[in-house]
Protein backbone atom coordinates (compact mmCIF):
# COMPACT_ATOMS: atom_id res chain seq x y z
CA MET A 1 92.56 73.46 105.45
CA LYS A 2 91.48 76.56 103.51
CA THR A 3 91.98 78.81 106.54
CA LEU A 4 95.46 77.48 107.29
CA TYR A 5 96.50 77.76 103.65
CA SER A 6 95.24 81.34 103.38
CA ILE A 7 97.06 82.38 106.56
CA ALA A 8 100.31 80.84 105.32
CA ILE A 9 100.10 82.67 101.99
CA LEU A 10 99.29 86.01 103.62
CA VAL A 11 102.25 85.66 106.00
CA VAL A 12 104.53 85.07 103.02
CA LEU A 13 103.08 87.98 101.04
CA PHE A 14 103.74 90.57 103.72
CA GLN A 15 106.93 89.17 105.18
CA SER A 16 110.10 91.11 104.45
CA CYS A 17 113.71 90.13 104.86
CA MET A 18 117.16 91.47 104.10
CA VAL A 19 119.71 89.42 102.16
CA TYR A 20 123.32 90.41 101.62
CA GLU A 21 125.78 89.56 98.89
CA LYS A 22 128.02 86.68 99.97
CA ARG A 23 131.21 88.44 98.85
CA PRO A 24 132.42 91.12 101.33
CA VAL A 25 133.56 94.43 99.83
CA SER A 26 136.24 96.96 100.68
CA ILE A 27 135.59 100.39 102.17
CA GLU A 28 136.34 101.99 98.82
CA GLN A 29 133.91 99.69 96.98
CA ALA A 30 131.16 100.20 99.58
CA SER A 31 131.49 103.99 99.37
CA ASN A 32 130.30 103.81 95.74
CA TYR A 33 126.87 102.49 96.72
CA ASN A 34 123.96 104.87 97.28
CA ASP A 35 120.68 103.73 98.86
CA ARG A 36 121.83 100.12 99.25
CA ARG A 37 121.78 98.88 102.82
CA ILE A 38 125.35 98.33 104.01
CA LYS A 39 126.12 96.05 106.94
CA ILE A 40 129.34 96.76 108.82
CA THR A 41 130.50 94.07 111.26
CA THR A 42 133.22 95.04 113.73
CA ILE A 43 135.81 92.69 115.23
CA ASP A 44 133.88 92.63 118.53
CA GLY A 45 130.74 91.35 116.74
CA ASN A 46 128.70 94.56 116.67
CA GLU A 47 126.76 95.46 113.51
CA GLN A 48 125.78 98.79 111.97
CA MET A 49 123.20 99.14 109.18
CA VAL A 50 123.54 102.28 107.03
CA ASN A 51 122.49 103.45 103.55
CA TRP A 52 125.93 104.77 102.59
CA ILE A 53 129.46 105.21 103.94
CA GLU A 54 132.58 107.18 103.17
CA GLY A 55 136.16 107.06 104.41
CA LYS A 56 137.52 110.00 106.39
CA ASP A 57 140.66 110.31 108.57
CA GLU A 58 141.17 106.52 108.88
CA ASN A 59 137.50 106.09 109.86
CA VAL A 60 134.32 105.01 108.16
CA VAL A 61 131.64 107.66 108.62
CA SER A 62 127.94 107.90 107.78
CA ILE A 63 124.74 109.59 108.90
CA LYS A 64 122.24 106.95 109.91
CA ASN A 65 118.78 107.00 108.28
CA THR A 66 119.78 109.40 105.50
CA LYS A 67 120.06 108.97 101.74
CA ARG A 68 122.96 109.97 99.52
CA THR A 69 122.18 111.05 95.95
CA GLN A 70 124.69 111.60 93.14
CA ILE A 71 123.87 114.25 90.54
CA SER A 72 125.81 114.93 87.35
CA ASN A 73 127.05 118.52 87.10
CA SER A 74 125.71 118.60 83.54
CA HIS A 75 122.16 118.11 84.88
CA LEU A 76 122.44 120.90 87.44
CA MET A 77 120.03 123.81 86.84
CA GLN A 78 120.06 125.85 90.04
CA ILE A 79 121.13 125.74 93.70
CA LYS A 80 119.50 127.92 96.32
CA THR A 81 119.32 128.19 100.09
CA VAL A 82 116.27 126.99 102.00
CA GLY A 83 114.52 129.35 104.41
CA SER A 84 112.30 132.41 104.61
CA LYS A 85 114.34 134.13 101.85
CA PRO A 86 115.66 131.47 99.42
CA THR A 87 118.73 132.78 97.57
CA PRO A 88 120.41 131.26 94.49
CA ILE A 89 124.06 130.38 95.16
CA SER A 90 126.94 129.03 93.11
CA LEU A 91 128.20 125.45 93.23
CA ASP A 92 131.41 126.52 94.99
CA SER A 93 129.39 128.38 97.62
CA ALA A 94 127.10 125.36 98.07
CA TYR A 95 130.07 123.21 99.12
CA LYS A 96 130.75 125.63 101.98
CA HIS A 97 127.13 126.30 102.96
CA LYS A 98 126.26 125.12 106.49
CA GLY A 99 122.48 125.05 106.16
CA VAL A 100 120.03 123.08 104.02
CA ILE A 101 120.07 123.77 100.28
CA GLU A 102 117.72 122.90 97.41
CA ILE A 103 118.98 121.60 94.06
CA LEU A 104 116.96 121.90 90.87
CA GLN A 105 118.11 119.45 88.19
CA ASN A 106 117.19 118.09 84.77
CA ASP A 107 116.90 114.30 85.04
CA ASN A 108 118.06 113.75 81.41
CA LYS A 109 114.49 112.93 80.31
CA GLY A 110 113.29 116.47 79.92
CA ARG A 111 111.85 116.66 83.45
CA LEU A 112 112.88 119.02 86.21
CA GLU A 113 113.26 117.75 89.76
CA SER A 114 114.20 119.38 93.04
CA ALA A 115 115.33 117.97 96.38
CA GLU A 116 116.64 119.32 99.67
CA TYR A 117 120.05 118.31 101.03
CA ILE A 118 121.82 118.65 104.35
CA TYR A 119 125.07 119.36 102.54
CA ILE A 120 126.77 118.58 99.26
CA LYS A 121 130.36 117.84 98.34
CA ASN A 122 132.45 117.54 95.20
CA GLY A 123 132.57 114.12 93.53
CA GLY A 124 134.59 114.81 90.39
CA ASN A 125 132.09 115.60 87.63
CA ASN A 126 129.24 114.96 90.06
CA ILE A 127 127.90 116.49 93.24
CA ILE A 128 126.98 114.21 96.12
CA GLY A 129 124.14 115.35 98.37
CA ILE A 130 122.99 113.91 101.69
CA GLN A 131 119.20 113.97 102.03
CA GLY A 132 116.40 112.15 103.86
CA ILE A 133 116.62 114.07 107.14
CA ARG A 134 114.80 112.38 110.03
CA LYS A 135 114.51 112.94 113.77
CA ASN A 136 116.50 109.80 114.56
CA THR A 137 119.53 110.62 112.42
CA ALA A 138 122.90 109.97 114.05
CA LYS A 139 126.49 110.28 112.91
CA ILE A 140 128.31 106.94 112.73
CA VAL A 141 132.09 106.79 113.11
CA ILE A 142 133.91 103.43 113.02
CA PRO A 143 137.73 103.20 112.99
CA ASN A 144 138.97 101.27 109.95
CA ASP A 145 141.06 98.89 112.05
CA GLU A 146 137.95 97.81 113.98
CA ILE A 147 136.03 96.72 110.86
CA LYS A 148 135.88 92.98 110.30
CA GLU A 149 133.56 92.85 107.25
CA ILE A 150 131.40 95.04 105.00
CA GLN A 151 128.50 93.52 103.05
CA ILE A 152 126.11 95.09 100.54
CA GLN A 153 122.41 94.29 100.49
CA TYR A 154 121.24 92.18 97.57
CA PHE A 155 118.64 94.20 95.71
CA ARG A 156 115.85 93.71 93.20
CA PRO A 157 112.19 94.92 93.15
CA LEU A 158 110.16 92.88 95.64
CA ASN A 159 106.66 93.44 94.22
CA ASN A 160 104.88 92.53 90.98
CA ILE A 161 101.40 93.26 89.66
CA ASN A 162 100.59 90.65 86.98
CA LEU A 163 97.90 89.93 84.40
CA ASN A 164 97.55 86.14 84.07
CA LEU A 165 95.92 84.48 81.06
CA LEU A 166 94.70 80.88 81.47
CA GLY A 167 96.24 78.64 84.09
CA ASP A 168 95.23 79.02 87.76
CA ALA A 169 91.78 77.52 86.92
CA GLY A 170 90.55 80.71 85.25
CA GLY A 171 90.38 82.55 81.96
CA TYR A 172 92.20 85.57 83.36
CA SER A 173 93.20 87.02 86.69
CA ILE A 174 94.98 89.99 88.25
CA MET A 175 97.57 88.93 90.81
CA TYR A 176 99.79 90.65 93.37
CA GLU A 177 103.13 88.96 93.94
CA ARG A 178 105.67 89.42 96.73
CA LEU A 179 109.28 88.27 96.42
CA ILE A 180 111.17 87.01 99.48
CA PRO A 181 114.91 86.89 98.62
CA ILE A 182 116.90 84.06 100.20
CA SER A 183 120.11 84.53 98.19
CA PRO A 184 121.10 86.21 94.89
CA ASN A 185 120.27 82.92 93.14
CA PHE A 186 117.11 81.87 94.98
CA PHE A 187 113.93 83.59 96.13
CA LEU A 188 110.43 82.62 97.20
CA THR A 189 107.24 84.21 95.91
CA GLY A 190 103.78 84.44 97.41
CA LYS A 191 100.91 85.33 95.10
CA LEU A 192 97.31 86.40 95.73
CA GLY A 193 94.83 87.37 93.03
CA VAL A 194 91.29 87.51 91.73
CA GLY A 195 89.95 86.46 88.33
CA ARG A 196 87.05 85.12 86.30
CA ALA A 197 86.18 81.79 84.72
CA THR A 198 83.28 80.52 82.60
CA GLU A 199 81.49 77.18 82.73
CA PHE A 200 82.64 74.86 79.96
CA GLN A 201 79.95 73.93 77.41
CA MET A 202 80.18 72.11 74.09
CA CYS A 203 77.52 71.53 71.44
CA LEU A 204 78.75 69.16 68.75
CA PHE A 205 75.59 68.82 66.62
CA GLY A 206 72.81 71.28 65.87
CA PRO A 207 71.79 74.34 67.85
CA CYS A 208 72.87 74.59 71.48
CA ASP A 209 69.86 74.46 73.84
CA LEU A 210 71.94 74.69 77.01
CA PRO A 211 71.31 77.58 79.41
CA PRO A 212 73.85 80.43 79.41
CA PRO A 213 77.15 79.30 80.96
CA ASP A 214 77.71 80.13 84.61
CA LYS A 215 80.33 82.72 85.53
CA TYR A 216 82.71 82.15 88.41
CA THR A 217 85.03 84.32 90.47
CA ILE A 218 88.31 82.64 91.26
CA ILE A 219 90.81 83.53 94.00
CA PRO A 220 94.19 81.97 93.14
CA LEU A 221 96.90 81.60 95.79
CA GLN A 222 100.43 80.38 95.05
CA LEU A 223 103.70 79.74 96.83
CA THR A 224 106.73 79.10 94.61
CA GLY A 225 110.50 78.87 94.70
CA ASN A 226 112.70 80.39 92.00
CA ILE A 227 116.25 79.32 91.24
CA GLY A 228 118.55 80.91 88.65
CA GLY A 229 120.52 84.12 88.30
CA GLY A 230 120.27 87.66 86.93
CA ARG A 231 116.84 87.94 85.28
CA HIS A 232 116.27 84.27 84.39
CA PHE A 233 114.77 81.75 86.81
CA PHE A 234 113.17 78.32 86.90
CA GLU A 235 110.02 78.47 89.03
CA PHE A 236 108.37 75.59 90.90
CA GLY A 237 105.77 75.30 93.62
CA PHE A 238 102.05 74.82 94.16
CA GLY A 239 98.81 76.72 93.88
CA TYR A 240 95.31 76.63 95.27
CA SER A 241 92.35 78.35 93.58
CA PHE A 242 89.09 79.01 95.42
CA ILE A 243 85.98 79.17 93.22
CA GLU A 244 83.01 81.37 94.08
CA GLY A 245 79.91 80.10 92.28
CA ASN A 246 77.59 77.15 91.74
CA THR A 247 80.13 74.37 91.35
CA TYR A 248 81.55 71.45 93.29
CA PRO A 249 84.16 71.11 94.62
CA ASP A 250 84.81 74.80 95.11
CA TYR A 251 88.61 74.61 94.96
CA ILE A 252 91.43 73.25 92.80
CA PHE A 253 94.88 72.30 94.08
CA TYR A 254 97.76 72.09 91.59
CA PRO A 255 101.58 71.88 91.42
CA THR A 256 103.14 74.39 89.04
CA ALA A 257 106.46 74.85 87.21
CA GLY A 258 107.74 77.22 84.54
CA TYR A 259 110.14 79.92 83.40
CA ARG A 260 110.31 83.42 84.88
CA LEU A 261 111.91 86.62 83.56
CA GLN A 262 112.33 88.81 86.65
CA PRO A 263 113.82 92.32 86.17
CA LEU A 264 116.50 93.86 88.36
CA LYS A 265 115.03 97.39 88.32
CA SER A 266 111.66 98.89 89.26
CA GLY A 267 109.27 99.79 86.47
CA LYS A 268 110.44 96.97 84.20
CA VAL A 269 108.30 94.17 82.73
CA SER A 270 108.18 90.72 84.34
CA PHE A 271 107.12 87.63 82.42
CA ARG A 272 106.19 84.04 83.29
CA ILE A 273 105.13 81.00 81.30
CA TYR A 274 104.08 78.05 83.41
CA ALA A 275 102.28 74.72 83.50
CA SER A 276 100.02 73.54 86.31
CA PHE A 277 98.09 70.26 86.57
CA PRO A 278 95.19 69.77 89.02
CA THR A 279 95.37 66.92 91.50
CA GLY A 280 92.46 64.92 92.95
CA VAL A 281 88.87 65.82 92.10
CA TYR A 282 88.25 69.13 90.39
CA PRO A 283 84.97 70.76 89.24
CA TYR A 284 83.29 68.71 86.51
CA ASP A 285 82.04 71.79 84.64
CA PHE A 286 85.49 73.33 84.22
CA LEU A 287 87.78 73.05 81.23
CA TYR A 288 91.13 73.34 82.96
CA VAL A 289 93.85 74.76 80.70
CA PRO A 290 97.19 73.54 82.14
CA VAL A 291 99.38 76.25 80.54
CA GLY A 292 99.30 79.93 81.44
CA ILE A 293 101.24 83.12 80.77
CA SER A 294 101.74 86.14 82.98
CA LEU A 295 102.82 89.69 82.19
CA GLY A 296 103.42 92.29 84.85
CA ILE A 297 105.25 95.32 86.22
CA SER A 298 107.85 95.15 89.00
CA PHE A 299 108.19 97.79 91.69
């Protein structure tokens, strides 16, 4: 049972999938997305997956396996050619340059960043650069009248690192969490962690003559579903904590439910408050706290 459960959780943790918004978008709308996987379905049933598109001469064009970055002209510090003798050039010259160029910019937080681009073009008050050059790049050209549907990938950070307090049969634990999106309003999560717990002791009268409490290492595993929208979700599922130490039985199985605040951008804080109640026989020397909280970072 333990082996099968562990395998199932590990498969969920490292599985990846791609989910698309249900509402198709126009060519003009899709051309505003950068670094969001775009699926183009043609009338003959063929599909193309690209990171960006643009319209040109009644066609949709892209360069497969490249990234498109938009930079505000106000953040632009310097443009120079790339090669044995790098030379600073003007913005107007950069639009006409046939080789690779490097752009140095201020990211509006006081930091300077540079990146290489295949070419850049004018985007109003912005410059748009194509980067991410790989060996398997290929130009994609699809006539507009052959396009049946364009869909944009649903996106949110798929990984969390959490600090859990109480719950999960322990005092605290560090847990890695992987999100598996099913739709914009529902995703699964698989969690794997490690933590510590202490044997429960109580002395009601007089001095306590009991030996020092035992310490235990716990390995919590969880599989949950999350339903909601935006950043707010109701979470439900089940967990299974292995216990390393002198106790019997050496596991606790529990259903769990709670509230989750899940950010839409990397580097933001995630939060959970949840309840979990053990089923069947659980270790007699444990004080199981049924409510836990979790605070983490998404990436």
